[in-house]
Amino acid sequence: IHGKAIKRISTPAINMMMAYHWPGNVRELENCMER
């Protein structure tokens, strides 16, 4: 959508996402990834 070429998500970023409780569920994760 935004014409980017990002290849991967770093391990610390994944750890942060795994530790978070996601009150907004999948919609919040989608917004988080777009940001």
ModelCIF file with pLDDT and N, C-alpha, C, O atoms, coordinates in Angstrom:
data_MODEL
#
_entry.id   MODEL 
#
_entity.id                         1 
_entity.type                       polymer 
_entity.pdbx_number_of_molecules   1 
#
_entity_poly.entity_id                      1 
_entity_poly.type                           'polypeptide(L)' 
_entity_poly.nstd_linkage                   no 
_entity_poly.nstd_monomer                   no 
_entity_poly.pdbx_seq_one_letter_code       IHGKAIKRISTPAINMMMAYHWPGNVRELENCMER 
_entity_poly.pdbx_seq_one_letter_code_can   IHGKAIKRISTPAINMMMAYHWPGNVRELENCMER 
_entity_poly.pdbx_strand_id                 A 
#
loop_
_entity_poly_seq.entity_id 
_entity_poly_seq.num 
_entity_poly_seq.mon_id 
_entity_poly_seq.hetero 
1 1  ILE n 
1 2  HIS n 
1 3  GLY n 
1 4  LYS n 
1 5  ALA n 
1 6  ILE n 
1 7  LYS n 
1 8  ARG n 
1 9  ILE n 
1 10 SER n 
1 11 THR n 
1 12 PRO n 
1 13 ALA n 
1 14 ILE n 
1 15 ASN n 
1 16 MET n 
1 17 MET n 
1 18 MET n 
1 19 ALA n 
1 20 TYR n 
1 21 HIS n 
1 22 TRP n 
1 23 PRO n 
1 24 GLY n 
1 25 ASN n 
1 26 VAL n 
1 27 ARG n 
1 28 GLU n 
1 29 LEU n 
1 30 GLU n 
1 31 ASN n 
1 32 CYS n 
1 33 MET n 
1 34 GLU n 
1 35 ARG n 
#
_struct_asym.id          A 
_struct_asym.entity_id   1 
#
loop_
_ma_qa_metric.id 
_ma_qa_metric.mode 
_ma_qa_metric.name 
_ma_qa_metric.software_group_id 
_ma_qa_metric.type 
1 global pLDDT . pLDDT 
2 local  pLDDT . pLDDT 
#
_ma_qa_metric_global.metric_id      1 
_ma_qa_metric_global.metric_value   90.43 
_ma_qa_metric_global.model_id       1 
_ma_qa_metric_global.ordinal_id     1 
#
loop_
_ma_qa_metric_local.label_asym_id 
_ma_qa_metric_local.label_comp_id 
_ma_qa_metric_local.label_seq_id 
_ma_qa_metric_local.metric_id 
_ma_qa_metric_local.metric_value 
_ma_qa_metric_local.model_id 
_ma_qa_metric_local.ordinal_id 
A ILE 1  2 94.00 1 1  
A HIS 2  2 94.00 1 2  
A GLY 3  2 93.00 1 3  
A LYS 4  2 92.00 1 4  
A ALA 5  2 92.00 1 5  
A ILE 6  2 93.00 1 6  
A LYS 7  2 90.00 1 7  
A ARG 8  2 90.00 1 8  
A ILE 9  2 90.00 1 9  
A SER 10 2 88.00 1 10 
A THR 11 2 84.00 1 11 
A PRO 12 2 84.00 1 12 
A ALA 13 2 87.00 1 13 
A ILE 14 2 87.00 1 14 
A ASN 15 2 84.00 1 15 
A MET 16 2 86.00 1 16 
A MET 17 2 89.00 1 17 
A MET 18 2 87.00 1 18 
A ALA 19 2 83.00 1 19 
A TYR 20 2 86.00 1 20 
A HIS 21 2 87.00 1 21 
A TRP 22 2 91.00 1 22 
A PRO 23 2 89.00 1 23 
A GLY 24 2 91.00 1 24 
A ASN 25 2 94.00 1 25 
A VAL 26 2 95.00 1 26 
A ARG 27 2 93.00 1 27 
A GLU 28 2 93.00 1 28 
A LEU 29 2 95.00 1 29 
A GLU 30 2 94.00 1 30 
A ASN 31 2 94.00 1 31 
A CYS 32 2 94.00 1 32 
A MET 33 2 94.00 1 33 
A GLU 34 2 95.00 1 34 
A ARG 35 2 93.00 1 35 
#
loop_
_atom_site.group_PDB 
_atom_site.id 
_atom_site.type_symbol 
_atom_site.label_atom_id 
_atom_site.label_alt_id 
_atom_site.label_comp_id 
_atom_site.label_asym_id 
_atom_site.label_entity_id 
_atom_site.label_seq_id 
_atom_site.pdbx_PDB_ins_code 
_atom_site.Cartn_x 
_atom_site.Cartn_y 
_atom_site.Cartn_z 
_atom_site.occupancy 
_atom_site.B_iso_or_equiv 
_atom_site.pdbx_formal_charge 
_atom_site.auth_seq_id 
_atom_site.auth_comp_id 
_atom_site.auth_asym_id 
_atom_site.auth_atom_id 
_atom_site.pdbx_PDB_model_num 
ATOM 1   N N  . ILE A 1 1  ? 0.828  -1.216  0.000  1.00 94.00 ? 1  ILE A N  1 
ATOM 2   C CA . ILE A 1 1  ? 0.000  0.000   0.000  1.00 94.00 ? 1  ILE A CA 1 
ATOM 3   C C  . ILE A 1 1  ? 0.858  1.261   0.000  1.00 94.00 ? 1  ILE A C  1 
ATOM 4   O O  . ILE A 1 1  ? 0.560  2.218   -0.715 1.00 94.00 ? 1  ILE A O  1 
ATOM 5   N N  . HIS A 1 2  ? 1.932  1.262   0.808  1.00 94.00 ? 2  HIS A N  1 
ATOM 6   C CA . HIS A 1 2  ? 2.743  2.471   0.979  1.00 94.00 ? 2  HIS A CA 1 
ATOM 7   C C  . HIS A 1 2  ? 4.045  2.439   0.184  1.00 94.00 ? 2  HIS A C  1 
ATOM 8   O O  . HIS A 1 2  ? 4.882  3.327   0.343  1.00 94.00 ? 2  HIS A O  1 
ATOM 9   N N  . GLY A 1 3  ? 4.229  1.437   -0.665 1.00 93.00 ? 3  GLY A N  1 
ATOM 10  C CA . GLY A 1 3  ? 5.408  1.387   -1.522 1.00 93.00 ? 3  GLY A CA 1 
ATOM 11  C C  . GLY A 1 3  ? 6.707  1.207   -0.765 1.00 93.00 ? 3  GLY A C  1 
ATOM 12  O O  . GLY A 1 3  ? 7.733  1.762   -1.157 1.00 93.00 ? 3  GLY A O  1 
ATOM 13  N N  . LYS A 1 4  ? 6.679  0.431   0.329  1.00 92.00 ? 4  LYS A N  1 
ATOM 14  C CA . LYS A 1 4  ? 7.879  0.183   1.126  1.00 92.00 ? 4  LYS A CA 1 
ATOM 15  C C  . LYS A 1 4  ? 8.457  -1.197  0.772  1.00 92.00 ? 4  LYS A C  1 
ATOM 16  O O  . LYS A 1 4  ? 7.812  -1.994  0.091  1.00 92.00 ? 4  LYS A O  1 
ATOM 17  N N  . ALA A 1 5  ? 9.684  -1.465  1.247  1.00 92.00 ? 5  ALA A N  1 
ATOM 18  C CA . ALA A 1 5  ? 10.333 -2.762  1.002  1.00 92.00 ? 5  ALA A CA 1 
ATOM 19  C C  . ALA A 1 5  ? 10.942 -3.288  2.299  1.00 92.00 ? 5  ALA A C  1 
ATOM 20  O O  . ALA A 1 5  ? 12.087 -3.741  2.314  1.00 92.00 ? 5  ALA A O  1 
ATOM 21  N N  . ILE A 1 6  ? 10.172 -3.226  3.389  1.00 93.00 ? 6  ILE A N  1 
ATOM 22  C CA . ILE A 1 6  ? 10.654 -3.716  4.683  1.00 93.00 ? 6  ILE A CA 1 
ATOM 23  C C  . ILE A 1 6  ? 10.638 -5.242  4.659  1.00 93.00 ? 6  ILE A C  1 
ATOM 24  O O  . ILE A 1 6  ? 9.637  -5.854  4.285  1.00 93.00 ? 6  ILE A O  1 
ATOM 25  N N  . LYS A 1 7  ? 11.759 -5.853  5.063  1.00 90.00 ? 7  LYS A N  1 
ATOM 26  C CA . LYS A 1 7  ? 11.918 -7.305  4.903  1.00 90.00 ? 7  LYS A CA 1 
ATOM 27  C C  . LYS A 1 7  ? 11.538 -8.105  6.141  1.00 90.00 ? 7  LYS A C  1 
ATOM 28  O O  . LYS A 1 7  ? 11.047 -9.228  6.023  1.00 90.00 ? 7  LYS A O  1 
ATOM 29  N N  . ARG A 1 8  ? 11.758 -7.547  7.318  1.00 90.00 ? 8  ARG A N  1 
ATOM 30  C CA . ARG A 1 8  ? 11.499 -8.360  8.506  1.00 90.00 ? 8  ARG A CA 1 
ATOM 31  C C  . ARG A 1 8  ? 11.252 -7.487  9.726  1.00 90.00 ? 8  ARG A C  1 
ATOM 32  O O  . ARG A 1 8  ? 11.414 -6.268  9.700  1.00 90.00 ? 8  ARG A O  1 
ATOM 33  N N  . ILE A 1 9  ? 10.845 -8.175  10.812 1.00 90.00 ? 9  ILE A N  1 
ATOM 34  C CA . ILE A 1 9  ? 10.616 -7.525  12.107 1.00 90.00 ? 9  ILE A CA 1 
ATOM 35  C C  . ILE A 1 9  ? 11.697 -8.019  13.055 1.00 90.00 ? 9  ILE A C  1 
ATOM 36  O O  . ILE A 1 9  ? 11.924 -9.225  13.148 1.00 90.00 ? 9  ILE A O  1 
ATOM 37  N N  . SER A 1 10 ? 12.360 -7.126  13.751 1.00 88.00 ? 10 SER A N  1 
ATOM 38  C CA . SER A 1 10 ? 13.464 -7.519  14.633 1.00 88.00 ? 10 SER A CA 1 
ATOM 39  C C  . SER A 1 10 ? 12.954 -8.344  15.816 1.00 88.00 ? 10 SER A C  1 
ATOM 40  O O  . SER A 1 10 ? 11.778 -8.288  16.174 1.00 88.00 ? 10 SER A O  1 
ATOM 41  N N  . THR A 1 11 ? 13.864 -9.103  16.405 1.00 84.00 ? 11 THR A N  1 
ATOM 42  C CA . THR A 1 11 ? 13.508 -9.933  17.562 1.00 84.00 ? 11 THR A CA 1 
ATOM 43  C C  . THR A 1 11 ? 12.991 -9.105  18.737 1.00 84.00 ? 11 THR A C  1 
ATOM 44  O O  . THR A 1 11 ? 11.965 -9.471  19.309 1.00 84.00 ? 11 THR A O  1 
ATOM 45  N N  . PRO A 1 12 ? 13.656 -7.993  19.134 1.00 84.00 ? 12 PRO A N  1 
ATOM 46  C CA . PRO A 1 12 ? 13.110 -7.187  20.232 1.00 84.00 ? 12 PRO A CA 1 
ATOM 47  C C  . PRO A 1 12 ? 11.698 -6.673  19.942 1.00 84.00 ? 12 PRO A C  1 
ATOM 48  O O  . PRO A 1 12 ? 10.863 -6.609  20.844 1.00 84.00 ? 12 PRO A O  1 
ATOM 49  N N  . ALA A 1 13 ? 11.430 -6.306  18.680 1.00 87.00 ? 13 ALA A N  1 
ATOM 50  C CA . ALA A 1 13 ? 10.086 -5.832  18.325 1.00 87.00 ? 13 ALA A CA 1 
ATOM 51  C C  . ALA A 1 13 ? 9.062  -6.956  18.468 1.00 87.00 ? 13 ALA A C  1 
ATOM 52  O O  . ALA A 1 13 ? 7.951  -6.734  18.950 1.00 87.00 ? 13 ALA A O  1 
ATOM 53  N N  . ILE A 1 14 ? 9.442  -8.162  18.046 1.00 87.00 ? 14 ILE A N  1 
ATOM 54  C CA . ILE A 1 14 ? 8.538  -9.313  18.199 1.00 87.00 ? 14 ILE A CA 1 
ATOM 55  C C  . ILE A 1 14 ? 8.288  -9.599  19.674 1.00 87.00 ? 14 ILE A C  1 
ATOM 56  O O  . ILE A 1 14 ? 7.158  -9.871  20.079 1.00 87.00 ? 14 ILE A O  1 
ATOM 57  N N  . ASN A 1 15 ? 9.359  -9.535  20.481 1.00 84.00 ? 15 ASN A N  1 
ATOM 58  C CA . ASN A 1 15 ? 9.205  -9.774  21.926 1.00 84.00 ? 15 ASN A CA 1 
ATOM 59  C C  . ASN A 1 15 ? 8.237  -8.775  22.548 1.00 84.00 ? 15 ASN A C  1 
ATOM 60  O O  . ASN A 1 15 ? 7.435  -9.134  23.411 1.00 84.00 ? 15 ASN A O  1 
ATOM 61  N N  . MET A 1 16 ? 8.313  -7.519  22.106 1.00 86.00 ? 16 MET A N  1 
ATOM 62  C CA . MET A 1 16 ? 7.414  -6.500  22.625 1.00 86.00 ? 16 MET A CA 1 
ATOM 63  C C  . MET A 1 16 ? 5.969  -6.803  22.234 1.00 86.00 ? 16 MET A C  1 
ATOM 64  O O  . MET A 1 16 ? 5.055  -6.657  23.046 1.00 86.00 ? 16 MET A O  1 
ATOM 65  N N  . MET A 1 17 ? 5.772  -7.223  20.992 1.00 89.00 ? 17 MET A N  1 
ATOM 66  C CA . MET A 1 17 ? 4.416  -7.553  20.545 1.00 89.00 ? 17 MET A CA 1 
ATOM 67  C C  . MET A 1 17 ? 3.870  -8.775  21.283 1.00 89.00 ? 17 MET A C  1 
ATOM 68  O O  . MET A 1 17 ? 2.683  -8.831  21.604 1.00 89.00 ? 17 MET A O  1 
ATOM 69  N N  . MET A 1 18 ? 4.739  -9.754  21.552 1.00 87.00 ? 18 MET A N  1 
ATOM 70  C CA . MET A 1 18 ? 4.301  -10.967 22.250 1.00 87.00 ? 18 MET A CA 1 
ATOM 71  C C  . MET A 1 18 ? 3.972  -10.676 23.714 1.00 87.00 ? 18 MET A C  1 
ATOM 72  O O  . MET A 1 18 ? 3.114  -11.335 24.301 1.00 87.00 ? 18 MET A O  1 
ATOM 73  N N  . ALA A 1 19 ? 4.647  -9.697  24.300 1.00 83.00 ? 19 ALA A N  1 
ATOM 74  C CA . ALA A 1 19 ? 4.435  -9.374  25.713 1.00 83.00 ? 19 ALA A CA 1 
ATOM 75  C C  . ALA A 1 19 ? 3.211  -8.466  25.931 1.00 83.00 ? 19 ALA A C  1 
ATOM 76  O O  . ALA A 1 19 ? 2.660  -8.414  27.030 1.00 83.00 ? 19 ALA A O  1 
ATOM 77  N N  . TYR A 1 20 ? 2.796  -7.755  24.877 1.00 86.00 ? 20 TYR A N  1 
ATOM 78  C CA . TYR A 1 20 ? 1.694  -6.792  24.989 1.00 86.00 ? 20 TYR A CA 1 
ATOM 79  C C  . TYR A 1 20 ? 0.348  -7.527  25.088 1.00 86.00 ? 20 TYR A C  1 
ATOM 80  O O  . TYR A 1 20 ? 0.206  -8.632  24.565 1.00 86.00 ? 20 TYR A O  1 
ATOM 81  N N  . HIS A 1 21 ? -0.637 -6.914  25.758 1.00 87.00 ? 21 HIS A N  1 
ATOM 82  C CA . HIS A 1 21 ? -1.910 -7.597  26.002 1.00 87.00 ? 21 HIS A CA 1 
ATOM 83  C C  . HIS A 1 21 ? -2.974 -7.330  24.941 1.00 87.00 ? 21 HIS A C  1 
ATOM 84  O O  . HIS A 1 21 ? -4.023 -7.973  24.985 1.00 87.00 ? 21 HIS A O  1 
ATOM 85  N N  . TRP A 1 22 ? -2.767 -6.424  23.994 1.00 91.00 ? 22 TRP A N  1 
ATOM 86  C CA . TRP A 1 22 ? -3.617 -6.176  22.832 1.00 91.00 ? 22 TRP A CA 1 
ATOM 87  C C  . TRP A 1 22 ? -5.097 -6.015  23.189 1.00 91.00 ? 22 TRP A C  1 
ATOM 88  O O  . TRP A 1 22 ? -5.920 -6.844  22.800 1.00 91.00 ? 22 TRP A O  1 
ATOM 89  N N  . PRO A 1 23 ? -5.442 -4.954  23.928 1.00 89.00 ? 23 PRO A N  1 
ATOM 90  C CA . PRO A 1 23 ? -6.868 -4.739  24.237 1.00 89.00 ? 23 PRO A CA 1 
ATOM 91  C C  . PRO A 1 23 ? -7.714 -4.485  22.991 1.00 89.00 ? 23 PRO A C  1 
ATOM 92  O O  . PRO A 1 23 ? -8.914 -4.760  22.989 1.00 89.00 ? 23 PRO A O  1 
ATOM 93  N N  . GLY A 1 24 ? -7.089 -3.957  21.923 1.00 91.00 ? 24 GLY A N  1 
ATOM 94  C CA . GLY A 1 24 ? -7.809 -3.697  20.673 1.00 91.00 ? 24 GLY A CA 1 
ATOM 95  C C  . GLY A 1 24 ? -7.773 -4.862  19.707 1.00 91.00 ? 24 GLY A C  1 
ATOM 96  O O  . GLY A 1 24 ? -8.300 -4.772  18.599 1.00 91.00 ? 24 GLY A O  1 
ATOM 97  N N  . ASN A 1 25 ? -7.147 -5.963  20.127 1.00 94.00 ? 25 ASN A N  1 
ATOM 98  C CA . ASN A 1 25 ? -7.118 -7.207  19.349 1.00 94.00 ? 25 ASN A CA 1 
ATOM 99  C C  . ASN A 1 25 ? -6.465 -7.031  17.972 1.00 94.00 ? 25 ASN A C  1 
ATOM 100 O O  . ASN A 1 25 ? -5.529 -6.245  17.828 1.00 94.00 ? 25 ASN A O  1 
ATOM 101 N N  . VAL A 1 26 ? -6.950 -7.753  16.972 1.00 95.00 ? 26 VAL A N  1 
ATOM 102 C CA . VAL A 1 26 ? -6.285 -7.780  15.662 1.00 95.00 ? 26 VAL A CA 1 
ATOM 103 C C  . VAL A 1 26 ? -6.305 -6.402  15.014 1.00 95.00 ? 26 VAL A C  1 
ATOM 104 O O  . VAL A 1 26 ? -5.356 -6.022  14.328 1.00 95.00 ? 26 VAL A O  1 
ATOM 105 N N  . ARG A 1 27 ? -7.378 -5.655  15.229 1.00 93.00 ? 27 ARG A N  1 
ATOM 106 C CA . ARG A 1 27 ? -7.458 -4.308  14.653 1.00 93.00 ? 27 ARG A CA 1 
ATOM 107 C C  . ARG A 1 27 ? -6.328 -3.427  15.186 1.00 93.00 ? 27 ARG A C  1 
ATOM 108 O O  . ARG A 1 27 ? -5.726 -2.662  14.433 1.00 93.00 ? 27 ARG A O  1 
ATOM 109 N N  . GLU A 1 28 ? -6.043 -3.535  16.480 1.00 93.00 ? 28 GLU A N  1 
ATOM 110 C CA . GLU A 1 28 ? -4.950 -2.749  17.068 1.00 93.00 ? 28 GLU A CA 1 
ATOM 111 C C  . GLU A 1 28 ? -3.608 -3.191  16.508 1.00 93.00 ? 28 GLU A C  1 
ATOM 112 O O  . GLU A 1 28 ? -2.745 -2.354  16.241 1.00 93.00 ? 28 GLU A O  1 
ATOM 113 N N  . LEU A 1 29 ? -3.414 -4.514  16.324 1.00 95.00 ? 29 LEU A N  1 
ATOM 114 C CA . LEU A 1 29 ? -2.170 -5.009  15.740 1.00 95.00 ? 29 LEU A CA 1 
ATOM 115 C C  . LEU A 1 29 ? -1.990 -4.497  14.315 1.00 95.00 ? 29 LEU A C  1 
ATOM 116 O O  . LEU A 1 29 ? -0.882 -4.138  13.916 1.00 95.00 ? 29 LEU A O  1 
ATOM 117 N N  . GLU A 1 30 ? -3.076 -4.463  13.551 1.00 94.00 ? 30 GLU A N  1 
ATOM 118 C CA . GLU A 1 30 ? -3.000 -3.953  12.176 1.00 94.00 ? 30 GLU A CA 1 
ATOM 119 C C  . GLU A 1 30 ? -2.587 -2.482  12.166 1.00 94.00 ? 30 GLU A C  1 
ATOM 120 O O  . GLU A 1 30 ? -1.717 -2.081  11.392 1.00 94.00 ? 30 GLU A O  1 
ATOM 121 N N  . ASN A 1 31 ? -3.214 -1.682  13.029 1.00 94.00 ? 31 ASN A N  1 
ATOM 122 C CA . ASN A 1 31 ? -2.851 -0.261  13.101 1.00 94.00 ? 31 ASN A CA 1 
ATOM 123 C C  . ASN A 1 31 ? -1.403 -0.079  13.540 1.00 94.00 ? 31 ASN A C  1 
ATOM 124 O O  . ASN A 1 31 ? -0.693 0.795   13.042 1.00 94.00 ? 31 ASN A O  1 
ATOM 125 N N  . CYS A 1 32 ? -0.975 -0.926  14.489 1.00 94.00 ? 32 CYS A N  1 
ATOM 126 C CA . CYS A 1 32 ? 0.397  -0.891  14.982 1.00 94.00 ? 32 CYS A CA 1 
ATOM 127 C C  . CYS A 1 32 ? 1.389  -1.170  13.845 1.00 94.00 ? 32 CYS A C  1 
ATOM 128 O O  . CYS A 1 32 ? 2.407  -0.488  13.726 1.00 94.00 ? 32 CYS A O  1 
ATOM 129 N N  . MET A 1 33 ? 1.085  -2.182  13.005 1.00 94.00 ? 33 MET A N  1 
ATOM 130 C CA . MET A 1 33 ? 1.989  -2.540  11.912 1.00 94.00 ? 33 MET A CA 1 
ATOM 131 C C  . MET A 1 33 ? 1.997  -1.473  10.817 1.00 94.00 ? 33 MET A C  1 
ATOM 132 O O  . MET A 1 33 ? 3.038  -1.219  10.211 1.00 94.00 ? 33 MET A O  1 
ATOM 133 N N  . GLU A 1 34 ? 0.855  -0.853  10.562 1.00 95.00 ? 34 GLU A N  1 
ATOM 134 C CA . GLU A 1 34 ? 0.835  0.211   9.556  1.00 95.00 ? 34 GLU A CA 1 
ATOM 135 C C  . GLU A 1 34 ? 1.696  1.385   10.020 1.00 95.00 ? 34 GLU A C  1 
ATOM 136 O O  . GLU A 1 34 ? 2.449  1.960   9.235  1.00 95.00 ? 34 GLU A O  1 
ATOM 137 N N  . ARG A 1 35 ? 1.579  1.731   11.291 1.00 93.00 ? 35 ARG A N  1 
ATOM 138 C CA . ARG A 1 35 ? 2.403  2.808   11.847 1.00 93.00 ? 35 ARG A CA 1 
ATOM 139 C C  . ARG A 1 35 ? 3.887  2.471   11.746 1.00 93.00 ? 35 ARG A C  1 
ATOM 140 O O  . ARG A 1 35 ? 4.730  3.263   12.165 1.00 93.00 ? 35 ARG A O  1 
#
